[in-house]
Amino acid sequence: MSAAESTDPNRRDFLYVATGMAAVVGAGALAWPFIDQMRPDASTLALSTVEVDVSSLEPGMSLTVKWRGKPIFVRNRTPEEVEAAKAVPMSELKDPLARNANLPSDAQATDVDRSAGEGKENWLVMVGVCTHLGCIPLGQQGEYGGWFCPCHGSAYDTAGRIRHGPAPENMAIPTFSFISDTKVRIG
């Protein structure tokens, strides 16, 4: 009998499987630090939602809070600001979309779709970042009485809709909900 005839095929198959498994385990051990570093840390997860007490905001007052590293403008609009925003014809808007994470992506930029909704039209919660280059607009300024970005002249109305300047989109509205009459949960 020759040496080739005396080899055991079961042993060879076992060695192939064992070598393959060792390679898989080794690749997994090598890849794990790279995969693990992509996971958000605890401080990021803690900031995924924030609750804001709005009981002290009288009509016409605003509050800026930080959420996920971004400023969030919370405004209790006056009845005049709400009416001014409702009176704007959709044809005059530069961006016709609401950009509201609480609504379908094709929702129109009506005042009620930009606000907290029916019965809470006076409340506006939005990401306070200019959609042109990411500056922070100044509140209750500009020709439309909303927000004005002095960096390049973008003007937003009292519903946070872009009306003039280089900004291409309305300011974004994050996911939020009123958990009581005086508390808003963002995120």
N, C-alpha and C. Protein backbone atom coordinates (compact mmCIF):
# COMPACT_ATOMS: atom_id res chain seq x y z
N MET A 1 0.83 -1.16 0.00
CA MET A 1 0.00 0.00 0.00
C MET A 1 0.89 1.25 0.00
N SER A 2 0.53 2.22 -0.82
CA SER A 2 1.34 3.44 -0.92
C SER A 2 0.93 4.45 0.15
N ALA A 3 1.74 5.49 0.29
CA ALA A 3 1.46 6.51 1.30
C ALA A 3 0.19 7.28 0.97
N ALA A 4 -0.11 7.50 -0.33
CA ALA A 4 -1.30 8.24 -0.73
C ALA A 4 -2.56 7.47 -0.38
N GLU A 5 -2.47 6.13 -0.43
CA GLU A 5 -3.65 5.32 -0.15
C GLU A 5 -3.90 5.20 1.35
N SER A 6 -2.90 5.47 2.18
CA SER A 6 -3.05 5.27 3.61
C SER A 6 -3.60 6.52 4.34
N THR A 7 -3.76 7.68 3.65
CA THR A 7 -4.28 8.88 4.34
C THR A 7 -5.77 8.71 4.60
N ASP A 8 -6.20 9.24 5.71
CA ASP A 8 -7.60 9.14 6.13
C ASP A 8 -8.35 10.40 5.66
N PRO A 9 -9.35 10.26 4.79
CA PRO A 9 -10.06 11.45 4.30
C PRO A 9 -10.81 12.18 5.42
N ASN A 10 -11.24 11.50 6.43
CA ASN A 10 -11.94 12.16 7.53
C ASN A 10 -11.02 13.11 8.28
N ARG A 11 -9.77 12.70 8.44
CA ARG A 11 -8.80 13.56 9.14
C ARG A 11 -8.53 14.82 8.32
N ARG A 12 -8.37 14.68 7.00
CA ARG A 12 -8.10 15.82 6.13
C ARG A 12 -9.29 16.79 6.18
N ASP A 13 -10.51 16.30 6.09
CA ASP A 13 -11.69 17.17 6.16
C ASP A 13 -11.75 17.91 7.49
N PHE A 14 -11.42 17.20 8.57
CA PHE A 14 -11.41 17.84 9.87
C PHE A 14 -10.40 18.99 9.91
N LEU A 15 -9.20 18.76 9.35
CA LEU A 15 -8.18 19.81 9.34
C LEU A 15 -8.63 21.02 8.52
N TYR A 16 -9.29 20.79 7.39
CA TYR A 16 -9.81 21.91 6.58
C TYR A 16 -10.86 22.71 7.35
N VAL A 17 -11.77 22.02 7.99
CA VAL A 17 -12.83 22.70 8.76
C VAL A 17 -12.23 23.44 9.94
N ALA A 18 -11.31 22.82 10.66
CA ALA A 18 -10.69 23.46 11.82
C ALA A 18 -9.90 24.70 11.40
N THR A 19 -9.17 24.61 10.30
CA THR A 19 -8.41 25.77 9.82
C THR A 19 -9.35 26.90 9.40
N GLY A 20 -10.42 26.54 8.72
CA GLY A 20 -11.41 27.56 8.30
C GLY A 20 -12.05 28.24 9.49
N MET A 21 -12.41 27.47 10.50
CA MET A 21 -13.02 28.04 11.71
C MET A 21 -12.03 28.94 12.44
N ALA A 22 -10.77 28.54 12.52
CA ALA A 22 -9.75 29.38 13.16
C ALA A 22 -9.61 30.70 12.40
N ALA A 23 -9.68 30.65 11.08
CA ALA A 23 -9.58 31.87 10.28
C ALA A 23 -10.78 32.78 10.53
N VAL A 24 -11.98 32.22 10.62
CA VAL A 24 -13.19 33.02 10.89
C VAL A 24 -13.11 33.67 12.27
N VAL A 25 -12.71 32.91 13.27
CA VAL A 25 -12.57 33.46 14.62
C VAL A 25 -11.50 34.54 14.65
N GLY A 26 -10.40 34.33 13.98
CA GLY A 26 -9.33 35.33 13.93
C GLY A 26 -9.79 36.60 13.22
N ALA A 27 -10.52 36.47 12.13
CA ALA A 27 -11.02 37.65 11.41
C ALA A 27 -12.02 38.42 12.27
N GLY A 28 -12.87 37.67 12.99
CA GLY A 28 -13.83 38.32 13.88
C GLY A 28 -13.14 39.07 15.00
N ALA A 29 -12.12 38.45 15.58
CA ALA A 29 -11.37 39.10 16.66
C ALA A 29 -10.64 40.34 16.15
N LEU A 30 -10.17 40.30 14.92
CA LEU A 30 -9.49 41.45 14.34
C LEU A 30 -10.48 42.57 14.01
N ALA A 31 -11.68 42.21 13.54
CA ALA A 31 -12.67 43.21 13.12
C ALA A 31 -13.44 43.82 14.28
N TRP A 32 -13.56 43.12 15.41
CA TRP A 32 -14.38 43.59 16.50
C TRP A 32 -14.04 45.00 17.00
N PRO A 33 -12.80 45.38 17.22
CA PRO A 33 -12.53 46.75 17.67
C PRO A 33 -13.04 47.81 16.68
N PHE A 34 -12.97 47.52 15.40
CA PHE A 34 -13.45 48.48 14.41
C PHE A 34 -14.97 48.57 14.44
N ILE A 35 -15.64 47.47 14.60
CA ILE A 35 -17.10 47.46 14.67
C ILE A 35 -17.55 48.11 15.97
N ASP A 36 -16.90 47.80 17.06
CA ASP A 36 -17.29 48.31 18.37
C ASP A 36 -17.13 49.83 18.46
N GLN A 37 -16.15 50.40 17.80
CA GLN A 37 -15.94 51.84 17.88
C GLN A 37 -17.03 52.63 17.16
N MET A 38 -17.83 51.97 16.31
CA MET A 38 -18.92 52.66 15.61
C MET A 38 -20.18 52.79 16.46
N ARG A 39 -20.23 52.10 17.56
CA ARG A 39 -21.39 52.15 18.45
C ARG A 39 -21.39 53.48 19.21
N PRO A 40 -22.55 54.17 19.35
CA PRO A 40 -22.55 55.43 20.09
C PRO A 40 -22.24 55.21 21.56
N ASP A 41 -21.55 56.16 22.16
CA ASP A 41 -21.23 56.01 23.57
C ASP A 41 -22.43 56.41 24.44
N ALA A 42 -22.32 56.21 25.72
CA ALA A 42 -23.44 56.42 26.64
C ALA A 42 -23.89 57.87 26.66
N SER A 43 -22.99 58.83 26.55
CA SER A 43 -23.40 60.24 26.57
C SER A 43 -24.23 60.59 25.35
N THR A 44 -23.94 60.00 24.22
CA THR A 44 -24.74 60.24 23.01
C THR A 44 -26.12 59.63 23.16
N LEU A 45 -26.19 58.42 23.67
CA LEU A 45 -27.49 57.78 23.87
C LEU A 45 -28.33 58.53 24.89
N ALA A 46 -27.70 59.10 25.90
CA ALA A 46 -28.44 59.85 26.91
C ALA A 46 -29.06 61.11 26.31
N LEU A 47 -28.45 61.65 25.28
CA LEU A 47 -28.97 62.86 24.66
C LEU A 47 -29.94 62.57 23.51
N SER A 48 -30.34 61.32 23.33
CA SER A 48 -31.23 61.00 22.23
C SER A 48 -32.60 61.63 22.42
N THR A 49 -33.02 61.85 23.64
CA THR A 49 -34.24 62.60 23.91
C THR A 49 -33.95 63.60 25.02
N VAL A 50 -34.69 64.68 24.97
CA VAL A 50 -34.58 65.69 26.01
C VAL A 50 -36.00 66.20 26.29
N GLU A 51 -36.29 66.42 27.57
CA GLU A 51 -37.58 66.97 27.96
C GLU A 51 -37.39 68.41 28.36
N VAL A 52 -38.27 69.27 27.84
CA VAL A 52 -38.17 70.70 28.06
C VAL A 52 -39.43 71.20 28.76
N ASP A 53 -39.24 71.91 29.87
CA ASP A 53 -40.37 72.52 30.57
C ASP A 53 -40.63 73.88 29.92
N VAL A 54 -41.81 74.04 29.35
CA VAL A 54 -42.15 75.28 28.64
C VAL A 54 -43.18 76.11 29.41
N SER A 55 -43.40 75.79 30.69
CA SER A 55 -44.42 76.48 31.48
C SER A 55 -44.13 77.96 31.65
N SER A 56 -42.87 78.35 31.60
CA SER A 56 -42.52 79.76 31.82
C SER A 56 -42.53 80.59 30.54
N LEU A 57 -42.76 79.95 29.38
CA LEU A 57 -42.74 80.69 28.12
C LEU A 57 -44.09 81.34 27.84
N GLU A 58 -44.14 82.63 28.00
CA GLU A 58 -45.34 83.41 27.67
C GLU A 58 -45.37 83.61 26.15
N PRO A 59 -46.54 83.94 25.58
CA PRO A 59 -46.58 84.22 24.14
C PRO A 59 -45.55 85.29 23.76
N GLY A 60 -44.79 85.00 22.70
CA GLY A 60 -43.75 85.92 22.25
C GLY A 60 -42.37 85.59 22.78
N MET A 61 -42.27 84.57 23.65
CA MET A 61 -40.98 84.21 24.23
C MET A 61 -40.44 82.96 23.55
N SER A 62 -39.11 82.84 23.56
CA SER A 62 -38.42 81.69 22.98
C SER A 62 -37.45 81.10 23.99
N LEU A 63 -37.09 79.87 23.73
CA LEU A 63 -36.13 79.16 24.55
C LEU A 63 -35.25 78.35 23.61
N THR A 64 -33.96 78.32 23.87
CA THR A 64 -33.05 77.51 23.06
C THR A 64 -32.49 76.41 23.95
N VAL A 65 -32.64 75.16 23.50
CA VAL A 65 -32.10 74.02 24.22
C VAL A 65 -31.15 73.28 23.29
N LYS A 66 -30.31 72.45 23.87
CA LYS A 66 -29.37 71.68 23.06
C LYS A 66 -29.84 70.24 22.99
N TRP A 67 -29.89 69.72 21.77
CA TRP A 67 -30.29 68.34 21.54
C TRP A 67 -29.40 67.77 20.45
N ARG A 68 -28.71 66.67 20.75
CA ARG A 68 -27.79 66.02 19.83
C ARG A 68 -26.75 67.01 19.27
N GLY A 69 -26.33 67.93 20.10
CA GLY A 69 -25.30 68.88 19.71
C GLY A 69 -25.81 70.04 18.87
N LYS A 70 -27.12 70.13 18.68
CA LYS A 70 -27.69 71.21 17.88
C LYS A 70 -28.59 72.08 18.73
N PRO A 71 -28.68 73.38 18.39
CA PRO A 71 -29.64 74.22 19.11
C PRO A 71 -31.06 73.94 18.61
N ILE A 72 -31.99 73.88 19.53
CA ILE A 72 -33.41 73.71 19.20
C ILE A 72 -34.14 74.94 19.71
N PHE A 73 -34.83 75.61 18.79
CA PHE A 73 -35.61 76.78 19.16
C PHE A 73 -37.02 76.31 19.53
N VAL A 74 -37.46 76.68 20.73
CA VAL A 74 -38.83 76.42 21.17
C VAL A 74 -39.46 77.79 21.34
N ARG A 75 -40.50 78.07 20.58
CA ARG A 75 -41.12 79.39 20.61
C ARG A 75 -42.61 79.28 20.85
N ASN A 76 -43.09 80.08 21.77
CA ASN A 76 -44.52 80.25 22.01
C ASN A 76 -44.92 81.51 21.24
N ARG A 77 -45.44 81.31 20.04
CA ARG A 77 -45.74 82.44 19.17
C ARG A 77 -46.98 83.20 19.64
N THR A 78 -46.99 84.48 19.35
CA THR A 78 -48.14 85.32 19.65
C THR A 78 -49.24 85.03 18.63
N PRO A 79 -50.49 85.37 18.95
CA PRO A 79 -51.56 85.19 17.96
C PRO A 79 -51.28 85.94 16.65
N GLU A 80 -50.64 87.08 16.74
CA GLU A 80 -50.30 87.85 15.54
C GLU A 80 -49.28 87.11 14.68
N GLU A 81 -48.29 86.48 15.31
CA GLU A 81 -47.29 85.70 14.57
C GLU A 81 -47.93 84.51 13.88
N VAL A 82 -48.86 83.85 14.57
CA VAL A 82 -49.54 82.69 13.98
C VAL A 82 -50.37 83.15 12.78
N GLU A 83 -51.11 84.23 12.94
CA GLU A 83 -51.94 84.73 11.83
C GLU A 83 -51.08 85.18 10.65
N ALA A 84 -49.94 85.82 10.93
CA ALA A 84 -49.04 86.24 9.84
C ALA A 84 -48.53 85.03 9.08
N ALA A 85 -48.21 83.95 9.78
CA ALA A 85 -47.71 82.74 9.12
C ALA A 85 -48.82 82.06 8.33
N LYS A 86 -50.04 82.04 8.86
CA LYS A 86 -51.17 81.42 8.16
C LYS A 86 -51.53 82.18 6.89
N ALA A 87 -51.31 83.49 6.88
CA ALA A 87 -51.72 84.33 5.77
C ALA A 87 -50.79 84.24 4.55
N VAL A 88 -49.64 83.60 4.69
CA VAL A 88 -48.68 83.50 3.59
C VAL A 88 -49.18 82.50 2.56
N PRO A 89 -49.37 82.92 1.30
CA PRO A 89 -49.76 81.95 0.26
C PRO A 89 -48.62 80.98 -0.02
N MET A 90 -48.97 79.73 -0.25
CA MET A 90 -47.97 78.70 -0.52
C MET A 90 -47.12 79.06 -1.74
N SER A 91 -47.67 79.79 -2.69
CA SER A 91 -46.93 80.15 -3.91
C SER A 91 -45.77 81.10 -3.62
N GLU A 92 -45.80 81.78 -2.48
CA GLU A 92 -44.72 82.71 -2.12
C GLU A 92 -43.55 82.03 -1.42
N LEU A 93 -43.71 80.77 -1.07
CA LEU A 93 -42.67 80.08 -0.32
C LEU A 93 -41.58 79.56 -1.25
N LYS A 94 -40.36 79.76 -0.82
CA LYS A 94 -39.20 79.26 -1.57
C LYS A 94 -39.11 77.73 -1.48
N ASP A 95 -39.45 77.17 -0.31
CA ASP A 95 -39.44 75.73 -0.09
C ASP A 95 -40.86 75.31 0.31
N PRO A 96 -41.57 74.57 -0.53
CA PRO A 96 -42.97 74.23 -0.22
C PRO A 96 -43.14 73.06 0.75
N LEU A 97 -42.05 72.42 1.19
CA LEU A 97 -42.16 71.26 2.07
C LEU A 97 -42.03 71.64 3.54
N ALA A 98 -42.79 70.95 4.39
CA ALA A 98 -42.81 71.26 5.82
C ALA A 98 -41.49 70.94 6.52
N ARG A 99 -40.74 69.94 6.06
CA ARG A 99 -39.49 69.50 6.70
C ARG A 99 -39.73 69.16 8.17
N ASN A 100 -40.87 68.51 8.43
CA ASN A 100 -41.28 68.17 9.77
C ASN A 100 -41.15 66.65 9.95
N ALA A 101 -40.25 66.23 10.85
CA ALA A 101 -40.00 64.80 11.08
C ALA A 101 -41.21 64.08 11.66
N ASN A 102 -42.21 64.81 12.12
CA ASN A 102 -43.42 64.23 12.68
C ASN A 102 -44.46 63.92 11.61
N LEU A 103 -44.22 64.37 10.39
CA LEU A 103 -45.19 64.24 9.29
C LEU A 103 -44.54 63.52 8.11
N PRO A 104 -45.35 63.09 7.13
CA PRO A 104 -44.77 62.51 5.92
C PRO A 104 -43.83 63.50 5.23
N SER A 105 -42.84 62.99 4.50
CA SER A 105 -41.82 63.86 3.90
C SER A 105 -42.38 64.79 2.83
N ASP A 106 -43.56 64.49 2.29
CA ASP A 106 -44.13 65.37 1.27
C ASP A 106 -45.17 66.35 1.82
N ALA A 107 -45.27 66.48 3.16
CA ALA A 107 -46.22 67.42 3.76
C ALA A 107 -45.87 68.84 3.35
N GLN A 108 -46.91 69.62 3.08
CA GLN A 108 -46.72 71.00 2.64
C GLN A 108 -46.34 71.90 3.82
N ALA A 109 -45.70 73.01 3.53
CA ALA A 109 -45.19 73.93 4.56
C ALA A 109 -46.26 74.91 5.03
N THR A 110 -47.45 74.40 5.28
CA THR A 110 -48.47 75.26 5.87
C THR A 110 -48.08 75.58 7.30
N ASP A 111 -48.69 76.60 7.87
CA ASP A 111 -48.34 76.97 9.24
C ASP A 111 -48.65 75.84 10.21
N VAL A 112 -49.79 75.20 10.06
CA VAL A 112 -50.16 74.14 11.00
C VAL A 112 -49.23 72.93 10.87
N ASP A 113 -48.71 72.64 9.67
CA ASP A 113 -47.76 71.54 9.51
C ASP A 113 -46.35 71.89 9.98
N ARG A 114 -46.09 73.14 10.21
CA ARG A 114 -44.80 73.56 10.76
C ARG A 114 -44.87 73.73 12.27
N SER A 115 -46.08 73.84 12.82
CA SER A 115 -46.25 74.05 14.25
C SER A 115 -46.45 72.72 14.97
N ALA A 116 -46.85 72.80 16.23
CA ALA A 116 -47.08 71.58 17.01
C ALA A 116 -48.41 70.93 16.65
N GLY A 117 -49.17 71.50 15.75
CA GLY A 117 -50.40 70.88 15.28
C GLY A 117 -51.65 71.56 15.78
N GLU A 118 -52.79 71.00 15.39
CA GLU A 118 -54.09 71.55 15.76
C GLU A 118 -54.21 71.72 17.27
N GLY A 119 -54.66 72.90 17.66
CA GLY A 119 -54.82 73.20 19.08
C GLY A 119 -53.55 73.72 19.75
N LYS A 120 -52.41 73.54 19.11
CA LYS A 120 -51.14 74.02 19.66
C LYS A 120 -50.36 74.78 18.58
N GLU A 121 -51.10 75.48 17.72
CA GLU A 121 -50.47 76.20 16.60
C GLU A 121 -49.49 77.26 17.07
N ASN A 122 -49.64 77.72 18.31
CA ASN A 122 -48.73 78.76 18.81
C ASN A 122 -47.33 78.21 19.10
N TRP A 123 -47.18 76.89 19.24
CA TRP A 123 -45.89 76.31 19.59
C TRP A 123 -45.12 75.92 18.34
N LEU A 124 -43.87 76.34 18.29
CA LEU A 124 -42.97 76.00 17.20
C LEU A 124 -41.70 75.42 17.82
N VAL A 125 -41.31 74.23 17.37
CA VAL A 125 -40.09 73.55 17.83
C VAL A 125 -39.30 73.22 16.58
N MET A 126 -38.10 73.78 16.44
CA MET A 126 -37.31 73.51 15.24
C MET A 126 -35.82 73.56 15.51
N VAL A 127 -35.08 72.90 14.63
CA VAL A 127 -33.62 72.90 14.72
C VAL A 127 -33.16 74.29 14.32
N GLY A 128 -32.47 74.97 15.21
CA GLY A 128 -32.06 76.35 15.00
C GLY A 128 -30.78 76.49 14.21
N VAL A 129 -30.78 75.94 13.01
CA VAL A 129 -29.60 76.00 12.16
C VAL A 129 -30.03 76.48 10.78
N CYS A 130 -29.34 77.49 10.26
CA CYS A 130 -29.63 77.99 8.92
C CYS A 130 -29.30 76.89 7.91
N THR A 131 -30.18 76.69 6.96
CA THR A 131 -30.00 75.61 6.00
C THR A 131 -29.04 75.97 4.87
N HIS A 132 -28.45 77.15 4.94
CA HIS A 132 -27.47 77.53 3.92
C HIS A 132 -26.10 76.96 4.27
N LEU A 133 -25.51 77.46 5.35
CA LEU A 133 -24.17 76.99 5.74
C LEU A 133 -24.08 76.56 7.19
N GLY A 134 -25.21 76.41 7.87
CA GLY A 134 -25.20 75.89 9.22
C GLY A 134 -24.97 76.92 10.31
N CYS A 135 -25.20 78.20 10.02
CA CYS A 135 -25.06 79.24 11.04
C CYS A 135 -26.27 79.18 11.98
N ILE A 136 -26.22 79.93 13.07
CA ILE A 136 -27.34 80.01 14.00
C ILE A 136 -28.05 81.34 13.75
N PRO A 137 -29.29 81.29 13.24
CA PRO A 137 -30.03 82.54 12.98
C PRO A 137 -30.43 83.25 14.26
N LEU A 138 -30.62 84.55 14.15
CA LEU A 138 -31.07 85.38 15.26
C LEU A 138 -32.59 85.40 15.27
N GLY A 139 -33.19 85.28 16.45
CA GLY A 139 -34.64 85.20 16.56
C GLY A 139 -35.33 86.54 16.56
N GLN A 140 -36.57 86.54 16.07
CA GLN A 140 -37.45 87.71 16.00
C GLN A 140 -36.77 88.89 15.32
N GLN A 141 -36.14 88.59 14.20
CA GLN A 141 -35.47 89.62 13.42
C GLN A 141 -35.71 89.38 11.94
N GLY A 142 -35.32 90.33 11.15
CA GLY A 142 -35.49 90.20 9.71
C GLY A 142 -36.81 90.76 9.25
N GLU A 143 -36.95 90.83 7.94
CA GLU A 143 -38.13 91.47 7.37
C GLU A 143 -39.42 90.69 7.57
N TYR A 144 -39.36 89.43 7.96
CA TYR A 144 -40.57 88.62 8.16
C TYR A 144 -40.87 88.37 9.63
N GLY A 145 -40.09 88.96 10.53
CA GLY A 145 -40.34 88.86 11.96
C GLY A 145 -40.03 87.50 12.57
N GLY A 146 -39.37 86.63 11.82
CA GLY A 146 -39.04 85.30 12.34
C GLY A 146 -37.60 85.22 12.75
N TRP A 147 -36.76 84.62 11.90
CA TRP A 147 -35.34 84.45 12.18
C TRP A 147 -34.54 85.00 11.02
N PHE A 148 -33.38 85.53 11.34
CA PHE A 148 -32.52 86.14 10.33
C PHE A 148 -31.10 85.65 10.54
N CYS A 149 -30.47 85.17 9.47
CA CYS A 149 -29.09 84.72 9.54
C CYS A 149 -28.22 85.84 8.96
N PRO A 150 -27.48 86.56 9.81
CA PRO A 150 -26.70 87.70 9.33
C PRO A 150 -25.49 87.31 8.49
N CYS A 151 -25.11 86.05 8.49
CA CYS A 151 -23.92 85.63 7.73
C CYS A 151 -24.09 85.86 6.23
N HIS A 152 -25.24 85.46 5.70
CA HIS A 152 -25.47 85.60 4.26
C HIS A 152 -26.84 86.15 3.93
N GLY A 153 -27.60 86.57 4.93
CA GLY A 153 -28.86 87.26 4.69
C GLY A 153 -30.09 86.40 4.51
N SER A 154 -30.08 85.18 4.96
CA SER A 154 -31.29 84.35 4.86
C SER A 154 -32.30 84.80 5.90
N ALA A 155 -33.54 84.98 5.46
CA ALA A 155 -34.62 85.42 6.34
C ALA A 155 -35.71 84.37 6.37
N TYR A 156 -36.13 84.02 7.58
CA TYR A 156 -37.18 83.02 7.80
C TYR A 156 -38.38 83.72 8.42
N ASP A 157 -39.58 83.23 8.12
CA ASP A 157 -40.77 83.85 8.69
C ASP A 157 -41.08 83.29 10.07
N THR A 158 -42.26 83.65 10.62
CA THR A 158 -42.60 83.25 11.98
C THR A 158 -42.92 81.76 12.10
N ALA A 159 -42.90 81.02 11.00
CA ALA A 159 -43.06 79.57 11.03
C ALA A 159 -41.75 78.87 10.70
N GLY A 160 -40.64 79.62 10.58
CA GLY A 160 -39.34 79.03 10.28
C GLY A 160 -39.18 78.63 8.83
N ARG A 161 -39.98 79.22 7.95
CA ARG A 161 -39.89 78.91 6.51
C ARG A 161 -38.98 79.93 5.83
N ILE A 162 -38.11 79.46 4.95
CA ILE A 162 -37.19 80.36 4.24
C ILE A 162 -38.01 81.23 3.30
N ARG A 163 -37.75 82.53 3.38
CA ARG A 163 -38.49 83.47 2.53
C ARG A 163 -37.57 84.28 1.63
N HIS A 164 -36.32 84.47 2.07
CA HIS A 164 -35.41 85.33 1.32
C HIS A 164 -33.98 84.90 1.64
N GLY A 165 -33.10 84.98 0.65
CA GLY A 165 -31.70 84.68 0.87
C GLY A 165 -31.27 83.36 0.26
N PRO A 166 -30.02 82.98 0.49
CA PRO A 166 -29.46 81.80 -0.17
C PRO A 166 -29.86 80.45 0.44
N ALA A 167 -30.45 80.43 1.62
CA ALA A 167 -30.81 79.15 2.24
C ALA A 167 -31.83 78.43 1.34
N PRO A 168 -31.60 77.14 1.06
CA PRO A 168 -32.48 76.42 0.13
C PRO A 168 -33.73 75.80 0.76
N GLU A 169 -33.72 75.58 2.08
CA GLU A 169 -34.81 74.85 2.71
C GLU A 169 -35.30 75.55 3.97
N ASN A 170 -36.50 75.19 4.39
CA ASN A 170 -37.04 75.63 5.67
C ASN A 170 -36.21 74.99 6.79
N MET A 171 -36.20 75.64 7.95
CA MET A 171 -35.50 75.03 9.08
C MET A 171 -36.22 73.74 9.46
N ALA A 172 -35.46 72.72 9.79
CA ALA A 172 -36.01 71.39 10.08
C ALA A 172 -36.73 71.37 11.42
N ILE A 173 -37.75 70.53 11.48
CA ILE A 173 -38.49 70.32 12.72
C ILE A 173 -38.17 68.89 13.19
N PRO A 174 -37.61 68.75 14.40
CA PRO A 174 -37.26 67.41 14.88
C PRO A 174 -38.49 66.64 15.34
N THR A 175 -38.31 65.38 15.60
CA THR A 175 -39.39 64.59 16.20
C THR A 175 -39.61 65.12 17.61
N PHE A 176 -40.84 65.49 17.92
CA PHE A 176 -41.16 65.98 19.26
C PHE A 176 -42.61 65.70 19.55
N SER A 177 -42.95 65.75 20.84
CA SER A 177 -44.35 65.61 21.26
C SER A 177 -44.52 66.29 22.60
N PHE A 178 -45.73 66.77 22.84
CA PHE A 178 -46.07 67.31 24.15
C PHE A 178 -46.46 66.13 25.03
N ILE A 179 -45.73 65.93 26.13
CA ILE A 179 -46.06 64.85 27.04
C ILE A 179 -46.99 65.34 28.14
N SER A 180 -47.13 66.64 28.26
CA SER A 180 -48.12 67.28 29.13
C SER A 180 -48.33 68.68 28.56
N ASP A 181 -49.16 69.47 29.21
CA ASP A 181 -49.40 70.83 28.73
C ASP A 181 -48.16 71.72 28.87
N THR A 182 -47.23 71.32 29.72
CA THR A 182 -46.06 72.17 29.99
C THR A 182 -44.72 71.50 29.67
N LYS A 183 -44.75 70.28 29.13
CA LYS A 183 -43.49 69.58 28.82
C LYS A 183 -43.49 69.06 27.40
N VAL A 184 -42.35 69.29 26.72
CA VAL A 184 -42.14 68.82 25.37
C VAL A 184 -40.99 67.82 25.39
N ARG A 185 -41.20 66.66 24.74
CA ARG A 185 -40.11 65.68 24.59
C ARG A 185 -39.60 65.78 23.17
N ILE A 186 -38.32 66.07 23.03
CA ILE A 186 -37.67 66.19 21.72
C ILE A 186 -36.85 64.93 21.52
N GLY A 187 -37.04 64.29 20.39
CA GLY A 187 -36.30 63.08 20.07
C GLY A 187 -37.11 61.84 20.20
